[in-house]
Protein backbone atom coordinates (compact mmCIF):
# COMPACT_ATOMS: atom_id res chain seq x y z
CA MET A 1 0.00 0.00 0.00
CA PHE A 2 2.76 2.45 0.94
CA SER A 3 4.63 1.72 -2.28
CA ARG A 4 1.46 2.29 -4.29
CA ILE A 5 0.80 5.61 -2.55
CA LEU A 6 4.39 6.79 -2.98
CA THR A 7 4.64 5.78 -6.64
CA SER A 8 1.28 7.34 -7.57
CA ALA A 9 2.09 10.57 -5.72
CA LEU A 10 5.55 10.93 -7.25
CA PHE A 11 4.29 10.53 -10.80
CA ALA A 12 1.23 12.73 -10.24
CA GLY A 13 3.07 15.48 -8.36
CA ALA A 14 5.98 15.65 -10.76
CA ALA A 15 3.75 15.76 -13.84
CA ALA A 16 1.33 18.32 -12.42
CA GLY A 17 4.16 20.37 -10.92
CA LEU A 18 5.93 20.58 -14.27
CA PHE A 19 2.75 21.84 -15.97
CA ALA A 20 2.14 24.28 -13.09
CA ALA A 21 5.70 25.61 -13.34
CA MET A 22 5.32 26.20 -17.07
CA LEU A 23 2.04 28.06 -16.52
CA GLN A 24 3.65 30.17 -13.81
CA LEU A 25 6.59 31.09 -16.00
CA VAL A 26 4.30 32.15 -18.85
CA PHE A 27 1.46 33.87 -16.96
CA VAL A 28 2.52 34.71 -13.39
CA GLN A 29 6.24 35.49 -13.49
CA PRO A 30 5.95 38.39 -15.99
CA VAL A 31 3.44 40.09 -13.69
CA LEU A 32 5.80 39.67 -10.72
CA LEU A 33 8.75 41.04 -12.68
CA HIS A 34 6.61 44.00 -13.74
CA ALA A 35 5.64 44.69 -10.13
CA GLU A 36 9.28 44.55 -9.05
CA LEU A 37 10.06 47.47 -11.38
CA TYR A 38 7.73 49.61 -9.26
CA GLU A 39 8.99 48.15 -5.99
CA SER A 40 12.58 49.07 -6.91
CA GLY A 41 11.57 52.61 -7.91
CA GLU A 42 12.54 52.19 -11.56
CA PHE A 43 8.91 52.96 -12.44
CA VAL A 44 6.69 55.41 -10.56
CA HIS A 45 2.94 54.98 -10.63
CA PHE A 46 1.13 58.24 -11.40
CA GLY A 47 4.40 60.10 -11.66
CA ALA A 48 5.15 63.19 -13.72
CA GLU A 49 5.38 61.12 -16.89
CA ALA A 50 3.17 58.31 -18.13
CA VAL A 51 4.68 54.84 -17.74
CA SER A 52 4.29 52.09 -20.31
CA ALA A 53 2.07 49.19 -19.30
CA HIS A 54 4.24 46.90 -21.46
CA PRO A 55 7.86 47.40 -20.36
CA ASP A 56 10.85 45.32 -21.38
CA LEU A 57 11.15 42.70 -18.66
CA PRO A 58 14.32 40.84 -17.61
CA SER A 59 15.29 38.01 -19.93
CA ILE A 60 15.15 34.32 -19.05
CA ASP A 61 17.37 33.37 -16.11
CA LEU A 62 18.19 29.67 -16.38
CA MET A 63 19.22 29.33 -12.74
CA ARG A 64 16.19 31.18 -11.34
CA ASP A 65 13.69 29.58 -13.68
CA GLY A 66 15.21 26.12 -13.31
CA LEU A 67 15.04 26.28 -9.52
CA SER A 68 11.49 27.56 -9.76
CA ILE A 69 10.51 24.52 -11.84
CA ILE A 70 12.20 22.10 -9.44
CA PHE A 71 10.64 23.60 -6.30
CA THR A 72 7.20 23.73 -7.93
CA MET A 73 7.46 20.05 -8.80
CA LEU A 74 8.52 19.24 -5.23
CA THR A 75 5.67 21.31 -3.81
CA TYR A 76 3.03 19.59 -5.89
CA THR A 77 4.55 16.20 -5.13
CA GLY A 78 3.93 16.98 -1.47
CA TYR A 79 0.33 17.94 -2.27
CA ALA A 80 -0.05 14.73 -4.26
CA LEU A 81 1.20 12.61 -1.34
CA VAL A 82 -1.54 14.04 0.87
CA MET A 83 -4.17 13.64 -1.84
CA VAL A 84 -3.25 10.04 -2.72
CA ALA A 85 -3.25 9.06 0.96
CA LEU A 86 -6.78 10.49 1.27
CA MET A 87 -7.78 8.71 -1.95
CA ALA A 88 -6.61 5.44 -0.41
CA MET A 89 -8.83 6.09 2.61
CA ALA A 90 -11.80 6.91 0.37
CA GLU A 91 -11.28 3.81 -1.75
CA GLY A 92 -11.18 1.74 1.42
CA GLN A 93 -14.66 3.09 2.19
CA GLY A 94 -15.93 1.89 -1.19
CA HIS A 95 -15.56 5.05 -3.30
CA THR A 96 -14.31 4.93 -6.89
CA ILE A 97 -10.96 6.56 -7.60
CA ASN A 98 -9.80 7.20 -11.16
CA GLY A 99 -8.73 10.05 -13.39
CA ARG A 100 -12.27 11.35 -13.83
CA THR A 101 -13.18 11.41 -10.14
CA GLY A 102 -9.70 12.82 -9.50
CA LEU A 103 -10.83 16.01 -11.22
CA LEU A 104 -13.28 16.58 -8.35
CA TRP A 105 -10.52 15.88 -5.84
CA GLY A 106 -8.39 18.47 -7.59
CA MET A 107 -11.13 21.09 -7.42
CA ALA A 108 -11.56 20.35 -3.70
CA GLY A 109 -7.82 20.82 -3.22
CA PHE A 110 -7.92 24.14 -5.08
CA ILE A 111 -10.77 25.38 -2.90
CA ALA A 112 -8.99 24.32 0.29
CA PHE A 113 -5.48 25.55 -0.50
CA HIS A 114 -6.05 28.50 -2.85
CA PHE A 115 -9.59 29.83 -3.10
CA ALA A 116 -10.65 29.64 0.55
CA PRO A 117 -7.64 31.52 2.00
CA GLY A 118 -7.37 33.78 -1.05
CA LEU A 119 -10.97 34.92 -0.69
CA THR A 120 -9.99 37.08 2.30
CA LEU A 121 -6.18 37.09 2.13
CA ALA A 122 -5.66 37.76 -1.56
CA PRO A 123 -2.43 36.88 -3.41
CA GLU A 124 -0.06 39.85 -3.16
CA VAL A 125 2.54 41.30 -5.49
CA PRO A 126 5.87 42.57 -4.13
CA GLY A 127 5.86 45.99 -2.51
CA VAL A 128 2.31 46.13 -1.18
CA ALA A 129 1.33 46.68 2.45
CA ALA A 130 0.79 43.51 4.48
CA ALA A 131 0.17 42.46 8.07
CA ASP A 132 2.65 40.49 10.19
CA VAL A 133 3.84 37.36 8.40
CA GLY A 134 3.41 35.12 11.44
CA ALA A 135 -0.20 36.20 11.98
CA ARG A 136 -1.00 35.65 8.30
CA GLN A 137 0.58 32.19 8.34
CA ILE A 138 -1.48 31.16 11.36
CA TRP A 139 -4.70 32.41 9.76
CA TRP A 140 -3.82 30.76 6.42
CA THR A 141 -3.07 27.41 8.07
CA GLY A 142 -6.31 27.46 10.05
CA THR A 143 -8.32 28.42 6.97
CA VAL A 144 -6.80 25.66 4.84
CA ALA A 145 -7.38 23.06 7.56
CA SER A 146 -11.01 24.05 8.10
CA ALA A 147 -11.69 24.18 4.34
CA ALA A 148 -10.07 20.77 3.81
CA VAL A 149 -12.23 19.20 6.52
CA ALA A 150 -15.28 20.93 5.03
CA MET A 151 -14.52 19.50 1.58
CA TRP A 152 -14.27 16.00 3.04
CA LEU A 153 -17.57 16.40 4.88
CA ILE A 154 -19.33 17.75 1.79
CA ALA A 155 -18.07 14.83 -0.28
CA PHE A 156 -18.52 11.92 2.12
CA ALA A 157 -20.84 12.93 4.98
CA ARG A 158 -24.39 11.61 4.84
CA SER A 159 -26.31 13.92 7.12
CA TRP A 160 -27.53 17.50 6.96
CA MET A 161 -25.93 18.17 10.35
CA LEU A 162 -22.44 17.38 9.06
CA TRP A 163 -23.05 19.39 5.91
CA GLY A 164 -24.02 22.28 8.17
CA VAL A 165 -20.73 21.82 10.06
CA ALA A 166 -18.95 22.00 6.71
CA ALA A 167 -20.67 25.29 5.90
CA VAL A 168 -19.63 26.72 9.27
CA LEU A 169 -16.03 25.60 8.73
CA LEU A 170 -15.96 27.32 5.35
CA LEU A 171 -17.41 30.58 6.67
CA ALA A 172 -15.75 30.88 10.10
CA PRO A 173 -12.25 32.04 9.02
CA HIS A 174 -13.72 34.79 6.86
CA ILE A 175 -16.11 35.95 9.58
CA ILE A 176 -13.13 36.13 11.94
CA GLY A 177 -11.15 37.91 9.23
CA ALA A 178 -7.56 37.72 8.06
CA PRO A 179 -4.84 39.96 9.53
CA GLU A 180 -4.81 43.29 7.69
CA PRO A 181 -2.18 46.07 7.58
CA ASP A 182 -2.80 49.22 9.61
CA VAL A 183 -2.30 51.45 6.57
CA PHE A 184 -2.31 50.90 2.82
CA THR A 185 0.94 51.69 1.04
CA GLY A 186 2.81 50.44 -1.99
CA PRO A 187 3.98 51.74 -5.33
CA VAL A 188 2.48 48.98 -7.50
CA PRO A 189 -0.56 49.91 -9.64
CA THR A 190 -3.77 48.21 -8.65
CA GLU A 191 -4.18 46.85 -12.18
CA ILE A 192 -1.02 44.76 -11.75
CA GLY A 193 -2.17 43.49 -8.35
CA ALA A 194 -5.55 42.50 -9.77
CA LEU A 195 -3.97 40.71 -12.73
CA PHE A 196 -1.59 38.84 -10.44
CA ALA A 197 -4.41 37.66 -8.16
CA ALA A 198 -6.51 36.53 -11.12
CA ARG A 199 -3.65 34.62 -12.73
CA ALA A 200 -2.56 33.10 -9.41
CA PHE A 201 -6.07 31.70 -8.98
CA GLY A 202 -6.24 30.52 -12.59
CA VAL A 203 -2.89 28.76 -12.54
CA GLY A 204 -3.65 27.30 -9.11
CA MET A 205 -6.94 25.86 -10.30
CA ALA A 206 -5.36 24.34 -13.41
CA ALA A 207 -2.53 22.84 -11.36
CA TRP A 208 -4.83 21.31 -8.76
CA VAL A 209 -7.12 19.82 -11.40
CA LEU A 210 -4.05 18.23 -12.97
CA VAL A 211 -2.87 16.92 -9.58
CA GLY A 212 -6.27 15.34 -8.98
CA CYS A 213 -6.55 13.80 -12.45
CA PHE A 214 -3.00 12.45 -12.43
CA ALA A 215 -3.30 11.18 -8.86
CA GLY A 216 -6.55 9.35 -9.61
CA TYR A 217 -5.19 7.94 -12.85
CA PHE A 218 -1.89 6.68 -11.40
CA TRP A 219 -3.60 5.35 -8.26
CA ASN A 220 -6.03 3.37 -10.41
CA THR A 221 -3.27 2.19 -12.75
CA GLU A 222 -1.00 1.07 -9.91
CA GLY A 223 -3.92 -0.78 -8.32
CA ALA A 224 -4.69 -2.64 -11.55
CA ARG A 225 -1.02 -3.51 -11.93
CA ALA A 226 -0.81 -4.82 -8.37
CA GLU A 227 -3.89 -7.01 -8.91
CA ALA A 228 -2.45 -8.39 -12.14
């Protein structure tokens, strides 16, 4: 069982992480590099002169981009390990696990790890005002944990009471509220911040769907191979 979980997670995480890294390099990294031009003071928002919305960004850095790809693959391999272990538990309870059902698992992972915390603590570009890192990490961890439990209850619970608990778990962190800065500062235009948040959500959703599909597919394939 452990070998099956490990093998499925490694293949699923590496494949999904590679796709996620490519999407980040194409869609997210240019927005970050653009924001850094304002953070460094090279560009000034609403300054005396108009600033181009399409500047020349730094060229490809093989070391930086290569490390980014490797760490993204490692990160999603970790996510896949958790997901495949939960899939094993679900299959033990009689639920079907394959590439198609894995898509739903991926969407649940996206909601738990990206959408739920991002709904109140939005993805941030460099240079914007932010609350204490420690306080934000605590709130983020609690929100992810409560959303993950809520997703499990929504999927596998069989009573209205537990579904109600799931709704409370989803709402509670946002009613409490995420840590916010005392004042708003930052040189980055709001248009760049909005684009970054939108693309971070989009890439995150695509990556999690891929993790779920790959995890379900490889879990099912490894199971069939073990039976044969």
